[in-house]
Amino acid sequence: MQEITRNNRKVRDGVVVSNKMQKTVTVRVERTLRHAHFGKVISRAKKYYAHAENAQEIPVGKKVRIEETRPMSKLKRWRVVEVLV
């Protein structure tokens, strides 16, 4: 038997900020980093468009896990893997 393995893909956890599109949700991913000179912890955020077949069923404010995938449109390069608790 031959097993099909995927390469390691980037995975991020974030919060749904918009579900107004048909099969797309907008996910806000926050990360923390330390300032190079002052050492203060800074929070940075970025929004990703993620593919979800059931986009209207995922409410705004819900935490989701997204995974990198092939380009699906001009801006959409991620897909929703699971809805977290």
Protein backbone atom coordinates (compact mmCIF):
# COMPACT_ATOMS: atom_id res chain seq x y z
CA MET A 1 0.00 0.00 0.00
CA GLN A 2 1.24 3.45 -0.89
CA GLU A 3 0.57 6.24 1.56
CA ILE A 4 -0.05 9.77 0.37
CA THR A 5 1.60 12.30 2.67
CA ARG A 6 1.22 16.05 2.60
CA ASN A 7 4.00 18.48 3.23
CA ASN A 8 3.84 20.42 6.46
CA ARG A 9 1.47 23.32 6.00
CA LYS A 10 1.19 26.50 8.01
CA VAL A 11 -1.60 26.37 10.60
CA ARG A 12 -2.99 29.39 12.44
CA ASP A 13 -5.68 29.91 15.10
CA GLY A 14 -7.86 33.01 14.89
CA VAL A 15 -11.26 34.59 15.38
CA VAL A 16 -13.88 34.99 12.65
CA VAL A 17 -14.53 38.68 11.99
CA SER A 18 -16.81 38.38 8.95
CA ASN A 19 -18.95 35.66 7.38
CA LYS A 20 -20.86 37.78 4.87
CA MET A 21 -19.37 36.09 1.79
CA GLN A 22 -20.82 32.89 0.38
CA LYS A 23 -18.03 30.35 1.00
CA THR A 24 -15.44 32.59 2.65
CA VAL A 25 -14.80 33.81 6.18
CA THR A 26 -12.40 36.51 7.28
CA VAL A 27 -10.20 35.37 10.17
CA ARG A 28 -8.18 37.70 12.42
CA VAL A 29 -4.98 36.08 13.67
CA GLU A 30 -3.10 37.73 16.54
CA ARG A 31 0.53 37.10 17.41
CA THR A 32 2.74 38.49 20.15
CA LEU A 33 6.35 39.49 19.74
CA ARG A 34 9.00 41.21 21.77
CA HIS A 35 10.23 44.64 20.67
CA ALA A 36 13.81 44.38 19.42
CA HIS A 37 15.18 47.35 21.35
CA PHE A 38 12.86 47.96 24.31
CA GLY A 39 11.83 44.37 25.06
CA LYS A 40 8.15 45.25 25.50
CA VAL A 41 5.65 42.59 24.37
CA ILE A 42 3.67 43.84 21.39
CA SER A 43 0.51 42.37 19.85
CA ARG A 44 0.21 42.28 16.05
CA ALA A 45 -2.78 41.13 14.01
CA LYS A 46 -3.42 40.14 10.41
CA LYS A 47 -6.61 39.19 8.55
CA TYR A 48 -6.82 36.15 6.28
CA TYR A 49 -9.54 35.07 3.86
CA ALA A 50 -10.30 31.38 4.43
CA HIS A 51 -12.46 28.98 2.44
CA ALA A 52 -15.36 27.35 4.30
CA GLU A 53 -18.16 25.46 2.60
CA ASN A 54 -20.50 26.30 5.50
CA ALA A 55 -19.42 29.93 5.97
CA GLN A 56 -22.82 31.19 7.17
CA GLU A 57 -22.93 28.52 9.91
CA ILE A 58 -19.72 29.80 11.53
CA PRO A 59 -20.76 32.80 13.65
CA VAL A 60 -18.71 35.96 14.03
CA GLY A 61 -16.52 35.75 17.14
CA LYS A 62 -16.00 31.97 16.90
CA LYS A 63 -12.46 30.64 17.17
CA VAL A 64 -11.27 28.60 14.14
CA ARG A 65 -8.13 26.84 12.94
CA ILE A 66 -7.05 27.63 9.37
CA GLU A 67 -4.53 25.86 7.16
CA GLU A 68 -2.55 27.05 4.15
CA THR A 69 -3.73 25.67 0.81
CA ARG A 70 -3.50 26.29 -2.93
CA PRO A 71 -4.69 29.69 -4.21
CA MET A 72 -8.48 29.58 -4.56
CA SER A 73 -8.97 33.17 -5.70
CA LYS A 74 -7.11 36.47 -5.82
CA LEU A 75 -6.84 36.76 -2.01
CA LYS A 76 -7.97 33.37 -0.68
CA ARG A 77 -5.07 31.00 0.20
CA TRP A 78 -6.31 29.44 3.45
CA ARG A 79 -9.11 27.03 4.40
CA VAL A 80 -10.94 26.39 7.66
CA VAL A 81 -9.85 23.06 9.13
CA GLU A 82 -11.97 23.06 12.29
CA VAL A 83 -14.10 25.22 14.53
CA LEU A 84 -12.57 25.38 18.01
CA VAL A 85 -14.54 25.52 21.26
